[in-house]
Structure formats: C-alpha cells, structure tokens
C-alpha cells in the first residue's frame, strides 16, 4: 500500500505530485526546492536554501516512518556548481552518519530563477509495513 507525504508546496497540487511516496520499506522524495510554508523562496545563499531543502526532505521521510539515518541516496542540483562546498557541508550535517550514495551536478536553471539548489532523496527503512 502506498503512502504519500505533502510538504504543502503549491507545486504539488499544480503539477500533480507528492513530496514523498512510501512503497513497502522504500521512501522516495521528489525534487525539493527551497520553498517556505507560504510558497515563497527561502531567502539567502546556497547553504540557507540547502538547509531548507534538507529539512523538508527529512520531515517527509519522518512523516512516512523513516529517519535521516535511513537515507541511502541523494541527488543535488545546483545552478552554481561553485557552491558545492557550501551545499556539501549542509548535506554532511544531515546525512554524514548515514553516508548515502550522493550525486551533485550543475544545471542551467531550476523551477524558479532564484533557486540555487534542488535536492532529491531516497530512504530504505528496516521493515516494510
């Protein structure tokens, strides 16, 4: 049985997707941009935006019964690859103990022009529901 989590992003309903989906013991988190509860973009630099993305990701995983320790894969998309160290440091704070397989790539643009980073994640939890 699939379970879904929502972060309240206005894009979820508009584009027809869930922030995260759990099927059995696997949780897949959609590309997560730095979006605030009111729909605005998180202000600040790449680290501040990554902080918001990771917080939304972990909240979704926890809502579906997992933890940050269950994360096995992350994908980070940056519009300025020179920000990789800043984003990587935030990644390490959230997932350093789990040490997931991780990808970080530079991209031309994201959904909003002010977004510097967007992040996906996958988690595998011990026992299926």
N, C-alpha and C. Protein backbone atom coordinates (compact mmCIF):
# COMPACT_ATOMS: atom_id res chain seq x y z
N UNK A 1 0.83 -1.18 0.00
CA UNK A 1 0.00 0.00 0.00
C UNK A 1 0.88 1.25 0.00
N UNK A 2 0.64 2.15 -0.91
CA UNK A 2 1.41 3.38 -1.00
C UNK A 2 0.92 4.39 0.03
N UNK A 3 1.88 5.09 0.61
CA UNK A 3 1.59 6.23 1.48
C UNK A 3 2.25 7.45 0.84
N UNK A 4 1.63 8.60 1.05
CA UNK A 4 2.17 9.82 0.47
C UNK A 4 2.32 10.88 1.54
N UNK A 5 3.34 11.73 1.37
CA UNK A 5 3.55 12.86 2.25
C UNK A 5 3.52 14.13 1.42
N UNK A 6 3.02 15.20 2.02
CA UNK A 6 2.97 16.50 1.36
C UNK A 6 3.72 17.51 2.21
N UNK A 7 4.43 18.42 1.56
CA UNK A 7 5.09 19.49 2.29
C UNK A 7 4.28 20.77 2.21
N UNK A 8 3.20 20.76 1.43
CA UNK A 8 2.39 21.95 1.25
C UNK A 8 2.85 22.86 0.13
N UNK A 9 3.86 22.43 -0.61
CA UNK A 9 4.33 23.24 -1.74
C UNK A 9 3.19 23.46 -2.72
N UNK A 10 3.05 24.69 -3.23
CA UNK A 10 1.98 24.93 -4.20
C UNK A 10 2.17 24.11 -5.48
N UNK A 11 3.38 23.66 -5.75
CA UNK A 11 3.64 22.88 -6.95
C UNK A 11 3.07 21.46 -6.86
N UNK A 12 2.87 20.95 -5.65
CA UNK A 12 2.38 19.57 -5.52
C UNK A 12 1.03 19.39 -6.18
N UNK A 13 0.09 20.26 -5.85
CA UNK A 13 -1.23 20.14 -6.48
C UNK A 13 -1.19 20.62 -7.92
N UNK A 14 -0.52 21.73 -8.17
CA UNK A 14 -0.46 22.30 -9.52
C UNK A 14 0.13 21.32 -10.52
N UNK A 15 1.20 20.62 -10.15
CA UNK A 15 1.89 19.71 -11.06
C UNK A 15 1.52 18.25 -10.84
N UNK A 16 0.69 17.96 -9.81
CA UNK A 16 0.20 16.61 -9.59
C UNK A 16 1.23 15.63 -9.08
N UNK A 17 1.95 16.00 -8.01
CA UNK A 17 2.92 15.08 -7.43
C UNK A 17 2.88 15.14 -5.91
N UNK A 18 3.53 14.17 -5.28
CA UNK A 18 3.67 14.13 -3.82
C UNK A 18 5.11 14.46 -3.46
N UNK A 19 5.29 15.09 -2.30
CA UNK A 19 6.64 15.36 -1.83
C UNK A 19 7.41 14.06 -1.67
N UNK A 20 6.73 13.04 -1.11
CA UNK A 20 7.38 11.75 -0.92
C UNK A 20 6.34 10.64 -1.01
N UNK A 21 6.80 9.48 -1.44
CA UNK A 21 5.94 8.30 -1.55
C UNK A 21 6.67 7.14 -0.88
N UNK A 22 5.92 6.41 -0.05
CA UNK A 22 6.46 5.19 0.55
C UNK A 22 5.74 4.00 -0.04
N UNK A 23 6.52 3.04 -0.51
CA UNK A 23 6.02 1.76 -1.00
C UNK A 23 6.83 0.70 -0.28
N UNK A 24 6.19 -0.07 0.59
CA UNK A 24 6.92 -1.07 1.38
C UNK A 24 7.92 -0.38 2.29
N UNK A 25 9.19 -0.76 2.15
CA UNK A 25 10.21 -0.17 3.02
C UNK A 25 11.02 0.92 2.31
N UNK A 26 10.57 1.34 1.15
CA UNK A 26 11.29 2.34 0.37
C UNK A 26 10.52 3.67 0.35
N UNK A 27 11.24 4.76 0.61
CA UNK A 27 10.67 6.10 0.55
C UNK A 27 11.44 6.88 -0.50
N UNK A 28 10.69 7.46 -1.44
CA UNK A 28 11.30 8.26 -2.50
C UNK A 28 10.80 9.69 -2.32
N UNK A 29 11.75 10.62 -2.23
CA UNK A 29 11.41 12.03 -2.04
C UNK A 29 11.67 12.77 -3.35
N UNK A 30 10.66 13.47 -3.82
CA UNK A 30 10.74 14.23 -5.07
C UNK A 30 11.77 15.34 -4.96
N UNK A 31 12.14 15.88 -6.11
CA UNK A 31 12.99 17.05 -6.13
C UNK A 31 12.38 18.12 -5.23
N UNK A 32 13.19 18.59 -4.29
CA UNK A 32 12.71 19.51 -3.26
C UNK A 32 13.46 20.82 -3.36
N UNK A 33 12.73 21.85 -3.69
CA UNK A 33 13.32 23.18 -3.77
C UNK A 33 13.18 23.91 -2.46
N UNK A 34 13.86 25.05 -2.34
CA UNK A 34 13.85 25.84 -1.11
C UNK A 34 12.59 26.69 -1.00
N UNK A 35 11.49 26.04 -0.68
CA UNK A 35 10.21 26.73 -0.66
C UNK A 35 9.69 26.81 0.78
N UNK A 36 9.25 27.97 1.16
CA UNK A 36 8.74 28.20 2.51
C UNK A 36 7.27 27.81 2.59
N UNK A 37 6.75 27.75 3.81
CA UNK A 37 5.36 27.35 4.02
C UNK A 37 4.37 28.26 3.30
N UNK A 38 4.72 29.53 3.12
CA UNK A 38 3.82 30.46 2.44
C UNK A 38 3.99 30.47 0.92
N UNK A 39 4.86 29.58 0.41
CA UNK A 39 5.06 29.46 -1.03
C UNK A 39 6.19 30.32 -1.58
N UNK A 40 6.79 31.15 -0.74
CA UNK A 40 7.90 31.97 -1.19
C UNK A 40 9.19 31.15 -1.17
N UNK A 41 10.20 31.67 -1.81
CA UNK A 41 11.51 31.02 -1.83
C UNK A 41 12.28 31.37 -0.57
N UNK A 42 12.97 30.38 -0.02
CA UNK A 42 13.84 30.61 1.13
C UNK A 42 14.88 31.67 0.76
N UNK A 43 14.98 32.73 1.54
CA UNK A 43 15.99 33.74 1.24
C UNK A 43 17.38 33.25 1.61
N UNK A 44 18.37 33.86 0.99
CA UNK A 44 19.74 33.56 1.38
C UNK A 44 20.53 32.84 0.32
N UNK A 45 21.69 32.39 0.75
CA UNK A 45 22.65 31.76 -0.14
C UNK A 45 22.36 30.28 -0.34
N UNK A 46 23.27 29.60 -1.02
CA UNK A 46 23.08 28.18 -1.32
C UNK A 46 22.96 27.34 -0.05
N UNK A 47 23.74 27.65 0.97
CA UNK A 47 23.67 26.89 2.22
C UNK A 47 22.30 27.05 2.88
N UNK A 48 21.77 28.27 2.91
CA UNK A 48 20.45 28.50 3.51
C UNK A 48 19.37 27.77 2.73
N UNK A 49 19.47 27.81 1.40
CA UNK A 49 18.48 27.10 0.59
C UNK A 49 18.61 25.59 0.76
N UNK A 50 19.83 25.08 0.83
CA UNK A 50 20.03 23.63 1.04
C UNK A 50 19.48 23.22 2.40
N UNK A 51 19.69 24.02 3.40
CA UNK A 51 19.17 23.75 4.75
C UNK A 51 17.66 23.54 4.69
N UNK A 52 16.96 24.42 3.99
CA UNK A 52 15.52 24.31 3.88
C UNK A 52 15.12 23.05 3.11
N UNK A 53 15.81 22.76 2.02
CA UNK A 53 15.52 21.55 1.24
C UNK A 53 15.69 20.30 2.10
N UNK A 54 16.80 20.20 2.80
CA UNK A 54 17.05 19.01 3.62
C UNK A 54 16.04 18.90 4.76
N UNK A 55 15.65 20.02 5.35
CA UNK A 55 14.64 19.97 6.41
C UNK A 55 13.32 19.43 5.87
N UNK A 56 12.91 19.90 4.69
CA UNK A 56 11.67 19.39 4.08
C UNK A 56 11.78 17.90 3.77
N UNK A 57 12.93 17.50 3.27
CA UNK A 57 13.15 16.09 2.93
C UNK A 57 13.05 15.22 4.17
N UNK A 58 13.77 15.58 5.23
CA UNK A 58 13.76 14.78 6.46
C UNK A 58 12.36 14.76 7.07
N UNK A 59 11.66 15.89 7.06
CA UNK A 59 10.28 15.91 7.58
C UNK A 59 9.40 14.92 6.83
N UNK A 60 9.53 14.88 5.52
CA UNK A 60 8.72 13.95 4.71
C UNK A 60 9.06 12.50 5.02
N UNK A 61 10.34 12.21 5.15
CA UNK A 61 10.77 10.85 5.48
C UNK A 61 10.24 10.45 6.86
N UNK A 62 10.33 11.35 7.82
CA UNK A 62 9.82 11.06 9.16
C UNK A 62 8.31 10.86 9.15
N UNK A 63 7.60 11.65 8.37
CA UNK A 63 6.14 11.51 8.26
C UNK A 63 5.75 10.12 7.76
N UNK A 64 6.65 9.52 6.96
CA UNK A 64 6.37 8.20 6.40
C UNK A 64 7.05 7.07 7.17
N UNK A 65 7.56 7.36 8.37
CA UNK A 65 8.08 6.32 9.25
C UNK A 65 9.57 6.09 9.19
N UNK A 66 10.32 6.93 8.51
CA UNK A 66 11.77 6.77 8.43
C UNK A 66 12.50 7.85 9.21
N UNK A 67 13.83 7.84 9.10
CA UNK A 67 14.67 8.84 9.74
C UNK A 67 15.78 9.23 8.75
N UNK A 68 16.53 10.25 9.10
CA UNK A 68 17.65 10.65 8.25
C UNK A 68 18.68 9.54 8.14
N UNK A 69 18.76 8.68 9.12
CA UNK A 69 19.71 7.55 9.09
C UNK A 69 19.33 6.52 8.04
N UNK A 70 18.09 6.55 7.56
CA UNK A 70 17.63 5.60 6.55
C UNK A 70 17.92 6.04 5.12
N UNK A 71 18.43 7.25 4.95
CA UNK A 71 18.67 7.78 3.61
C UNK A 71 19.84 7.04 2.97
N UNK A 72 19.59 6.53 1.75
CA UNK A 72 20.61 5.76 1.02
C UNK A 72 21.06 6.45 -0.26
N UNK A 73 20.34 7.51 -0.69
CA UNK A 73 20.69 8.17 -1.95
C UNK A 73 20.23 9.61 -1.90
N UNK A 74 21.09 10.52 -2.34
CA UNK A 74 20.70 11.92 -2.53
C UNK A 74 21.19 12.39 -3.88
N UNK A 75 20.44 13.33 -4.45
CA UNK A 75 20.84 13.98 -5.70
C UNK A 75 20.65 15.47 -5.51
N UNK A 76 21.73 16.21 -5.71
CA UNK A 76 21.71 17.66 -5.50
C UNK A 76 21.98 18.36 -6.82
N UNK A 77 21.09 19.28 -7.17
CA UNK A 77 21.19 20.05 -8.41
C UNK A 77 21.47 21.49 -8.04
N UNK A 78 22.56 22.05 -8.57
CA UNK A 78 22.98 23.41 -8.24
C UNK A 78 23.08 24.24 -9.51
N UNK A 79 22.55 25.46 -9.46
CA UNK A 79 22.69 26.35 -10.61
C UNK A 79 24.07 27.01 -10.63
N UNK A 80 24.79 26.94 -9.53
CA UNK A 80 26.15 27.45 -9.45
C UNK A 80 27.01 26.38 -8.79
N UNK A 81 27.71 25.60 -9.59
CA UNK A 81 28.49 24.47 -9.07
C UNK A 81 29.59 24.93 -8.12
N UNK A 82 29.96 26.20 -8.16
CA UNK A 82 30.94 26.72 -7.21
C UNK A 82 30.42 26.71 -5.78
N UNK A 83 29.12 26.47 -5.60
CA UNK A 83 28.51 26.38 -4.27
C UNK A 83 28.54 24.96 -3.71
N UNK A 84 29.24 24.05 -4.38
CA UNK A 84 29.23 22.65 -3.95
C UNK A 84 29.73 22.45 -2.52
N UNK A 85 30.73 23.17 -2.10
CA UNK A 85 31.24 23.01 -0.73
C UNK A 85 30.21 23.44 0.30
N UNK A 86 29.55 24.57 0.05
CA UNK A 86 28.54 25.06 0.98
C UNK A 86 27.38 24.07 1.11
N UNK A 87 26.91 23.56 -0.03
CA UNK A 87 25.80 22.60 -0.01
C UNK A 87 26.27 21.27 0.59
N UNK A 88 27.48 20.86 0.25
CA UNK A 88 28.03 19.61 0.79
C UNK A 88 28.16 19.64 2.30
N UNK A 89 28.51 20.78 2.86
CA UNK A 89 28.61 20.89 4.32
C UNK A 89 27.25 20.70 4.99
N UNK A 90 26.21 21.26 4.39
CA UNK A 90 24.87 21.07 4.95
C UNK A 90 24.45 19.60 4.80
N UNK A 91 24.75 19.01 3.65
CA UNK A 91 24.47 17.59 3.43
C UNK A 91 25.13 16.74 4.52
N UNK A 92 26.36 17.04 4.83
CA UNK A 92 27.09 16.27 5.85
C UNK A 92 26.44 16.40 7.23
N UNK A 93 25.90 17.57 7.55
CA UNK A 93 25.22 17.74 8.85
C UNK A 93 23.98 16.86 8.94
N UNK A 94 23.26 16.73 7.84
CA UNK A 94 22.04 15.93 7.85
C UNK A 94 22.30 14.44 7.68
N UNK A 95 23.26 14.08 6.84
CA UNK A 95 23.41 12.69 6.44
C UNK A 95 24.82 12.13 6.61
N UNK A 96 25.69 12.84 7.29
CA UNK A 96 27.07 12.40 7.45
C UNK A 96 27.19 11.03 8.09
N UNK A 97 26.34 10.73 9.04
CA UNK A 97 26.39 9.42 9.69
C UNK A 97 25.87 8.32 8.77
N UNK A 98 24.86 8.64 7.95
CA UNK A 98 24.27 7.64 7.04
C UNK A 98 25.16 7.40 5.83
N UNK A 99 25.88 8.44 5.40
CA UNK A 99 26.77 8.38 4.23
C UNK A 99 26.10 7.75 3.01
N UNK A 100 25.00 8.37 2.54
CA UNK A 100 24.31 7.83 1.37
C UNK A 100 25.13 8.00 0.10
N UNK A 101 24.81 7.23 -0.91
CA UNK A 101 25.34 7.48 -2.24
C UNK A 101 24.81 8.86 -2.63
N UNK A 102 25.68 9.71 -3.16
CA UNK A 102 25.26 11.08 -3.43
C UNK A 102 25.78 11.55 -4.78
N UNK A 103 24.96 12.37 -5.41
CA UNK A 103 25.33 12.99 -6.68
C UNK A 103 25.09 14.48 -6.54
N UNK A 104 26.04 15.28 -7.06
CA UNK A 104 25.88 16.73 -7.09
C UNK A 104 26.25 17.19 -8.49
N UNK A 105 25.31 17.85 -9.16
CA UNK A 105 25.55 18.29 -10.53
C UNK A 105 25.17 19.75 -10.71
N UNK A 106 25.82 20.39 -11.66
CA UNK A 106 25.46 21.74 -12.04
C UNK A 106 24.42 21.71 -13.14
N UNK A 107 23.43 22.57 -13.01
CA UNK A 107 22.36 22.67 -14.01
C UNK A 107 22.20 24.13 -14.43
N UNK A 108 21.58 24.34 -15.57
CA UNK A 108 21.41 25.69 -16.09
C UNK A 108 20.39 26.49 -15.28
N UNK A 109 19.28 25.84 -14.92
CA UNK A 109 18.22 26.56 -14.22
C UNK A 109 17.34 25.55 -13.47
N UNK A 110 16.59 26.07 -12.50
CA UNK A 110 15.63 25.26 -11.76
C UNK A 110 14.24 25.88 -11.93
N UNK A 111 13.26 25.39 -11.20
CA UNK A 111 11.87 25.80 -11.38
C UNK A 111 11.65 27.30 -11.21
N UNK A 112 12.35 27.89 -10.28
CA UNK A 112 12.27 29.34 -10.07
C UNK A 112 13.67 29.93 -10.29
N UNK A 113 13.75 31.08 -10.89
CA UNK A 113 15.07 31.65 -11.20
C UNK A 113 15.93 31.95 -9.98
N UNK A 114 15.30 32.19 -8.83
CA UNK A 114 16.07 32.48 -7.61
C UNK A 114 16.54 31.23 -6.86
N UNK A 115 16.09 30.07 -7.30
CA UNK A 115 16.55 28.83 -6.66
C UNK A 115 17.99 28.54 -7.09
N UNK A 116 18.81 28.25 -6.11
CA UNK A 116 20.20 27.87 -6.34
C UNK A 116 20.35 26.35 -6.26
N UNK A 117 19.46 25.71 -5.51
CA UNK A 117 19.59 24.28 -5.25
C UNK A 117 18.22 23.60 -5.23
N UNK A 118 18.20 22.35 -5.68
CA UNK A 118 17.04 21.46 -5.56
C UNK A 118 17.61 20.07 -5.25
N UNK A 119 16.93 19.32 -4.38
CA UNK A 119 17.50 18.07 -3.88
C UNK A 119 16.46 16.96 -3.86
N UNK A 120 16.88 15.74 -4.25
CA UNK A 120 16.05 14.53 -4.16
C UNK A 120 16.70 13.59 -3.15
N UNK A 121 15.91 12.66 -2.62
CA UNK A 121 16.46 11.66 -1.69
C UNK A 121 15.66 10.37 -1.77
N UNK A 122 16.32 9.31 -1.37
CA UNK A 122 15.66 8.01 -1.23
C UNK A 122 16.09 7.41 0.10
N UNK A 123 15.17 6.73 0.74
CA UNK A 123 15.45 6.08 2.02
C UNK A 123 14.92 4.66 1.97
N UNK A 124 15.59 3.78 2.68
CA UNK A 124 15.14 2.40 2.86
C UNK A 124 15.09 2.15 4.35
N UNK A 125 13.91 1.79 4.83
CA UNK A 125 13.77 1.53 6.26
C UNK A 125 13.74 0.03 6.51
N UNK A 126 14.07 -0.36 7.71
CA UNK A 126 14.32 -1.78 8.04
C UNK A 126 13.20 -2.73 7.67
N UNK A 127 11.99 -2.47 8.12
CA UNK A 127 10.91 -3.43 7.91
C UNK A 127 9.77 -2.80 7.12
N UNK A 128 9.27 -3.49 6.10
CA UNK A 128 8.13 -2.94 5.38
C UNK A 128 6.88 -2.93 6.26
N UNK A 129 5.94 -2.09 5.92
CA UNK A 129 4.68 -2.02 6.69
C UNK A 129 3.78 -3.17 6.34
